[in-house]
Protein backbone atom coordinates (compact mmCIF):
# COMPACT_ATOMS: atom_id res chain seq x y z
CA UNK A 1 0.00 0.00 0.00
CA UNK A 2 1.37 3.41 -0.97
CA UNK A 3 2.00 6.12 1.61
CA UNK A 4 0.41 9.54 1.04
CA UNK A 5 2.63 12.36 2.30
CA UNK A 6 0.79 15.54 3.24
CA UNK A 7 1.01 18.32 2.31
CA UNK A 8 3.69 17.27 -0.24
CA UNK A 9 1.39 15.13 -2.40
CA UNK A 10 -1.14 17.94 -2.69
CA UNK A 11 1.41 19.84 -4.81
CA UNK A 12 1.07 23.07 -2.85
CA UNK A 13 4.74 23.26 -1.87
CA UNK A 14 6.35 22.45 1.47
CA UNK A 15 8.52 25.49 2.05
CA UNK A 16 5.92 27.58 3.87
CA UNK A 17 5.24 26.96 7.56
CA UNK A 18 1.51 27.61 7.05
CA UNK A 19 -0.52 26.19 4.18
CA UNK A 20 -4.17 25.77 3.31
CA UNK A 21 -5.95 23.40 0.96
CA UNK A 22 -9.57 22.73 -0.01
CA UNK A 23 -9.65 18.93 -0.08
CA UNK A 24 -12.46 17.22 -1.98
CA UNK A 25 -13.15 13.68 -3.14
CA UNK A 26 -16.17 11.79 -4.50
CA UNK A 27 -15.18 8.25 -3.47
CA UNK A 28 -14.56 6.65 -0.08
CA UNK A 29 -11.05 5.70 1.02
CA UNK A 30 -10.32 2.97 3.58
CA UNK A 31 -7.41 2.98 6.04
CA UNK A 32 -5.03 4.88 3.75
CA UNK A 33 -1.48 5.25 5.06
CA UNK A 34 -0.88 8.94 5.71
CA UNK A 35 2.35 10.64 6.71
CA UNK A 36 1.67 14.15 7.99
CA UNK A 37 4.88 16.13 7.68
CA UNK A 38 3.17 19.07 9.39
CA UNK A 39 0.56 19.37 12.11
CA UNK A 40 -2.87 19.58 10.50
CA UNK A 41 -6.34 20.89 11.26
CA UNK A 42 -9.07 19.20 9.27
CA UNK A 43 -12.19 21.37 9.20
CA UNK A 44 -14.69 18.79 7.97
CA UNK A 45 -17.43 20.19 5.75
CA UNK A 46 -19.19 17.11 4.34
CA UNK A 47 -18.70 13.40 4.94
CA UNK A 48 -17.08 11.53 7.85
CA UNK A 49 -13.49 10.81 8.87
CA UNK A 50 -11.82 8.11 10.97
CA UNK A 51 -8.18 8.44 12.00
CA UNK A 52 -6.13 5.72 13.69
CA UNK A 53 -2.97 6.95 15.41
CA UNK A 54 -0.52 5.94 18.09
CA UNK A 55 -2.75 6.73 21.07
CA UNK A 56 -6.33 6.27 19.90
CA UNK A 57 -8.85 6.11 17.08
CA UNK A 58 -11.01 9.16 16.44
CA UNK A 59 -14.20 9.43 14.39
CA UNK A 60 -15.73 12.74 13.40
CA UNK A 61 -18.59 14.07 11.32
CA UNK A 62 -19.18 17.59 10.04
CA UNK A 63 -20.19 18.78 13.51
CA UNK A 64 -16.54 18.45 14.60
CA UNK A 65 -13.05 19.29 13.46
CA UNK A 66 -9.80 17.61 14.42
CA UNK A 67 -6.23 18.77 15.08
CA UNK A 68 -3.65 16.11 14.22
CA UNK A 69 -0.02 15.98 15.31
CA UNK A 70 2.55 15.39 12.57
CA UNK A 71 3.47 11.72 12.08
CA UNK A 72 1.97 8.52 10.70
CA UNK A 73 -1.70 7.56 10.83
CA UNK A 74 -4.31 5.50 9.02
CA UNK A 75 -7.20 7.46 7.58
CA UNK A 76 -10.67 6.50 6.38
CA UNK A 77 -12.85 9.08 4.63
CA UNK A 78 -16.47 8.50 3.61
CA UNK A 79 -18.50 10.73 1.35
CA UNK A 80 -21.73 12.34 2.46
CA UNK A 81 -24.90 10.53 1.31
CA UNK A 82 -26.61 13.88 0.81
CA UNK A 83 -23.83 15.65 -1.13
CA UNK A 84 -22.13 12.57 -2.64
CA UNK A 85 -18.79 14.11 -1.73
CA UNK A 86 -16.24 14.50 1.03
CA UNK A 87 -14.86 17.98 1.72
CA UNK A 88 -12.44 19.28 4.31
CA UNK A 89 -10.50 22.52 4.60
CA UNK A 90 -6.97 21.54 5.63
CA UNK A 91 -4.74 23.95 7.52
CA UNK A 92 -1.13 22.74 7.79
CA UNK A 93 1.25 24.31 10.31
CA UNK A 94 4.79 23.52 11.41
CA UNK A 95 6.14 22.97 14.92
CA UNK A 96 8.00 26.26 14.52
CA UNK A 97 4.70 28.10 14.11
CA UNK A 98 3.39 26.50 17.31
CA UNK A 99 6.56 27.34 19.25
CA UNK A 100 6.49 30.92 18.00
CA UNK A 101 2.85 31.25 19.08
CA UNK A 102 3.47 29.71 22.52
CA UNK A 103 6.40 32.05 23.09
CA UNK A 104 4.58 35.15 21.82
CA UNK A 105 1.58 34.57 24.11
CA UNK A 106 3.49 32.96 26.99
CA UNK A 107 1.51 29.72 26.86
CA UNK A 108 4.25 27.14 27.53
CA UNK A 109 3.36 24.31 29.91
CA UNK A 110 6.09 22.09 31.35
CA UNK A 111 3.89 19.64 33.26
CA UNK A 112 1.63 18.00 30.73
CA UNK A 113 0.09 14.79 32.06
CA UNK A 114 -1.23 13.50 28.75
CA UNK A 115 0.27 13.74 25.29
CA UNK A 116 -2.17 13.06 22.47
CA UNK A 117 -1.90 12.79 18.71
CA UNK A 118 -5.43 14.06 18.02
CA UNK A 119 -7.71 16.69 19.52
CA UNK A 120 -11.38 16.96 18.59
CA UNK A 121 -13.31 20.21 18.90
CA UNK A 122 -16.94 21.03 18.17
CA UNK A 123 -18.05 23.59 15.64
CA UNK A 124 -19.76 26.70 16.98
CA UNK A 125 -20.75 29.93 15.25
CA UNK A 126 -17.29 31.43 15.61
CA UNK A 127 -15.55 28.41 14.09
CA UNK A 128 -18.12 28.15 11.28
CA UNK A 129 -17.45 31.77 10.35
CA UNK A 130 -13.72 31.18 10.65
CA UNK A 131 -13.81 28.28 8.18
CA UNK A 132 -15.95 30.34 5.80
CA UNK A 133 -13.22 32.99 5.90
CA UNK A 134 -10.57 30.36 5.07
CA UNK A 135 -12.52 29.40 1.97
CA UNK A 136 -12.56 33.07 0.98
CA UNK A 137 -8.79 33.29 1.46
CA UNK A 138 -8.35 30.41 -0.99
CA UNK A 139 -9.73 32.66 -3.74
CA UNK A 140 -6.92 35.22 -3.24
CA UNK A 141 -3.45 35.23 -4.84
CA UNK A 142 -0.85 33.03 -3.10
CA UNK A 143 1.13 35.97 -1.73
CA UNK A 144 -1.91 37.46 -0.02
CA UNK A 145 -2.93 34.02 1.26
CA UNK A 146 0.44 33.58 2.98
CA UNK A 147 0.23 36.94 4.70
CA UNK A 148 -3.34 36.41 5.85
CA UNK A 149 -2.78 32.87 7.14
CA UNK A 150 -0.39 34.14 9.82
CA UNK A 151 -3.18 36.16 11.35
CA UNK A 152 -5.79 33.43 10.82
CA UNK A 153 -3.61 30.84 12.56
CA UNK A 154 -3.22 33.06 15.60
CA UNK A 155 -6.93 33.85 15.54
CA UNK A 156 -8.09 30.23 15.74
CA UNK A 157 -5.43 29.26 18.28
CA UNK A 158 -6.29 32.17 20.58
CA UNK A 159 -9.94 31.26 20.37
CA UNK A 160 -9.35 27.56 21.13
CA UNK A 161 -7.12 28.43 24.10
CA UNK A 162 -9.80 30.81 25.36
CA UNK A 163 -12.42 28.04 25.07
CA UNK A 164 -10.17 25.29 26.47
CA UNK A 165 -6.49 25.73 27.41
CA UNK A 166 -3.09 25.55 25.73
CA UNK A 167 -2.40 21.89 26.57
CA UNK A 168 -3.29 20.70 23.06
CA UNK A 169 -0.69 23.03 21.52
CA UNK A 170 2.03 22.06 23.98
CA UNK A 171 1.26 18.42 23.30
CA UNK A 172 1.72 18.90 19.55
CA UNK A 173 5.34 19.95 19.99
CA UNK A 174 6.15 17.41 22.69
CA UNK A 175 8.49 14.82 21.18
CA UNK A 176 8.26 11.21 22.35
CA UNK A 177 11.37 9.52 20.98
CA UNK A 178 11.05 6.25 22.93
CA UNK A 179 10.12 3.78 20.19
CA UNK A 180 9.17 1.09 22.72
CA UNK A 181 6.70 3.38 24.49
CA UNK A 182 5.23 4.29 21.12
CA UNK A 183 4.92 0.63 20.11
CA UNK A 184 3.22 -0.20 23.42
CA UNK A 185 0.75 2.68 23.04
CA UNK A 186 -0.14 1.65 19.50
CA UNK A 187 -0.56 -2.02 20.39
CA UNK A 188 -2.63 -1.42 23.52
CA UNK A 189 -4.87 1.17 21.89
CA UNK A 190 -5.52 -0.95 18.81
CA UNK A 191 -5.81 -4.42 20.31
CA UNK A 192 -9.51 -4.62 19.35
CA UNK A 193 -9.06 -3.06 15.91
CA UNK A 194 -8.55 -5.37 12.95
CA UNK A 195 -5.24 -3.91 11.78
CA UNK A 196 -2.75 -6.04 9.90
CA UNK A 197 0.99 -6.22 10.62
CA UNK A 198 1.88 -3.77 7.87
CA UNK A 199 -0.54 -1.16 9.24
CA UNK A 200 0.69 -1.59 12.83
CA UNK A 201 4.31 -1.33 11.75
CA UNK A 202 3.53 1.82 9.75
CA UNK A 203 1.95 3.48 12.80
CA UNK A 204 5.09 2.60 14.77
CA UNK A 205 7.28 3.96 11.96
CA UNK A 206 9.03 0.59 11.73
CA UNK A 207 9.54 -2.10 9.14
CA UNK A 208 7.37 -5.20 9.59
CA UNK A 209 10.39 -7.30 10.58
CA UNK A 210 11.50 -4.75 13.19
CA UNK A 211 7.98 -4.49 14.56
CA UNK A 212 7.71 -8.29 14.94
CA UNK A 213 11.10 -8.46 16.64
CA UNK A 214 10.38 -5.62 19.10
CA UNK A 215 6.88 -6.98 19.74
CA UNK A 216 8.23 -10.39 20.71
CA UNK A 217 10.75 -8.80 23.11
CA UNK A 218 7.90 -7.00 24.90
CA UNK A 219 5.13 -9.60 24.85
CA UNK A 220 6.97 -12.91 24.45
CA UNK A 221 4.49 -13.80 21.73
CA UNK A 222 3.98 -13.29 18.03
CA UNK A 223 1.67 -10.39 17.11
CA UNK A 224 -0.89 -12.71 15.48
CA UNK A 225 -1.18 -14.97 18.52
CA UNK A 226 -1.30 -12.07 20.98
CA UNK A 227 -3.97 -10.11 19.09
CA UNK A 228 -6.09 -13.23 18.64
CA UNK A 229 -5.92 -13.79 22.40
CA UNK A 230 -6.96 -10.21 23.14
CA UNK A 231 -9.90 -10.35 20.74
CA UNK A 232 -11.14 -13.64 22.15
CA UNK A 233 -10.88 -12.25 25.69
CA UNK A 234 -12.91 -9.24 24.58
CA UNK A 235 -15.55 -11.46 22.98
CA UNK A 236 -15.73 -13.52 26.18
CA UNK A 237 -16.40 -10.33 28.13
CA UNK A 238 -19.21 -9.39 25.75
CA UNK A 239 -20.72 -12.87 26.06
CA UNK A 240 -20.67 -12.60 29.86
CA UNK A 241 -22.76 -9.45 29.63
CA UNK A 242 -25.20 -11.34 27.36
CA UNK A 243 -25.48 -8.29 25.08
CA UNK A 244 -24.99 -10.20 21.82
CA UNK A 245 -25.41 -13.63 20.29
CA UNK A 246 -22.22 -15.52 19.35
CA UNK A 247 -23.16 -15.52 15.65
CA UNK A 248 -23.00 -11.69 15.74
CA UNK A 249 -19.45 -11.56 17.07
CA UNK A 250 -17.17 -13.68 14.90
CA UNK A 251 -16.19 -10.85 12.54
CA UNK A 252 -15.28 -8.60 15.48
CA UNK A 253 -13.01 -11.41 16.67
CA UNK A 254 -11.18 -11.27 13.31
CA UNK A 255 -12.56 -14.50 11.80
CA UNK A 256 -13.98 -14.85 8.30
CA UNK A 257 -16.53 -17.47 9.27
CA UNK A 258 -18.42 -18.57 12.35
CA UNK A 259 -17.08 -22.14 12.33
CA UNK A 260 -13.42 -21.07 12.68
CA UNK A 261 -14.39 -18.64 15.44
CA UNK A 262 -16.17 -21.38 17.41
CA UNK A 263 -13.17 -23.71 17.08
CA UNK A 264 -10.73 -21.02 18.27
CA UNK A 265 -12.98 -20.03 21.17
CA UNK A 266 -13.43 -23.65 22.27
CA UNK A 267 -9.68 -24.25 22.13
CA UNK A 268 -9.05 -21.29 24.45
CA UNK A 269 -11.99 -21.59 26.87
CA UNK A 270 -12.82 -25.30 26.69
CA UNK A 271 -16.39 -24.75 25.50
CA UNK A 272 -18.30 -23.18 22.64
CA UNK A 273 -19.27 -19.49 22.79
CA UNK A 274 -22.91 -20.45 23.37
CA UNK A 275 -22.02 -22.77 26.26
CA UNK A 276 -19.78 -20.07 27.72
CA UNK A 277 -22.58 -17.51 27.56
CA UNK A 278 -25.10 -19.84 29.22
CA UNK A 279 -22.73 -20.70 32.08
CA UNK A 280 -21.66 -17.10 32.74
């Protein structure tokens, strides 16, 4: 699977620290490998987006927008049934822009408890008007766009800090270089997602062979065996709550058919899913 590098592959140039792009498509994409070379705000207009990163999976519709830290992620985009299209205004900004802003407005925080890759915010009237103004800026010559974006970036950041706090900005420029901590976060936060080895390795910024080697050091198991165990444990928990019938769960457990799921479950728990549910 090819890797899409943004904003490079949009052909809008990478030299500027602030860039804007009106992104549109008329077909869905599923778990595309994305490398964000800059931090990115996606102001969703129509359609839905799912992003899988190193600390969580986020899903948003056009009532929300998301700020994404630079790095690797998997992205799914689905077109709107009403408009038959997906549209998002993308605002790219470098770490240098964030640092300059934090310094200018004295918003540095040295004691962050949580460092996230994604932050979701709700649209309100101010943000709606702000995004409308970005679309207007896109109609201007490039030189004017560049000058105006400096002010627009500060405008939206000041507003979001006023509504929340500056933790999300400090988190964006916090570097976590420990590859083992990153691998652990990705594995633990995606243990119920049906990601393949290539996708997991991509999120960890590793080759598949390196990922398998580091995984075995940490978990003393192969990735396939470990993830199967986690999914079966999760299915067992669901069965104990009696919220679903076994026939409804085999795909969530990562199996293509019900028969293979029953065999795997019986091998682990000593009984069929139905027997397990009755006895729980």
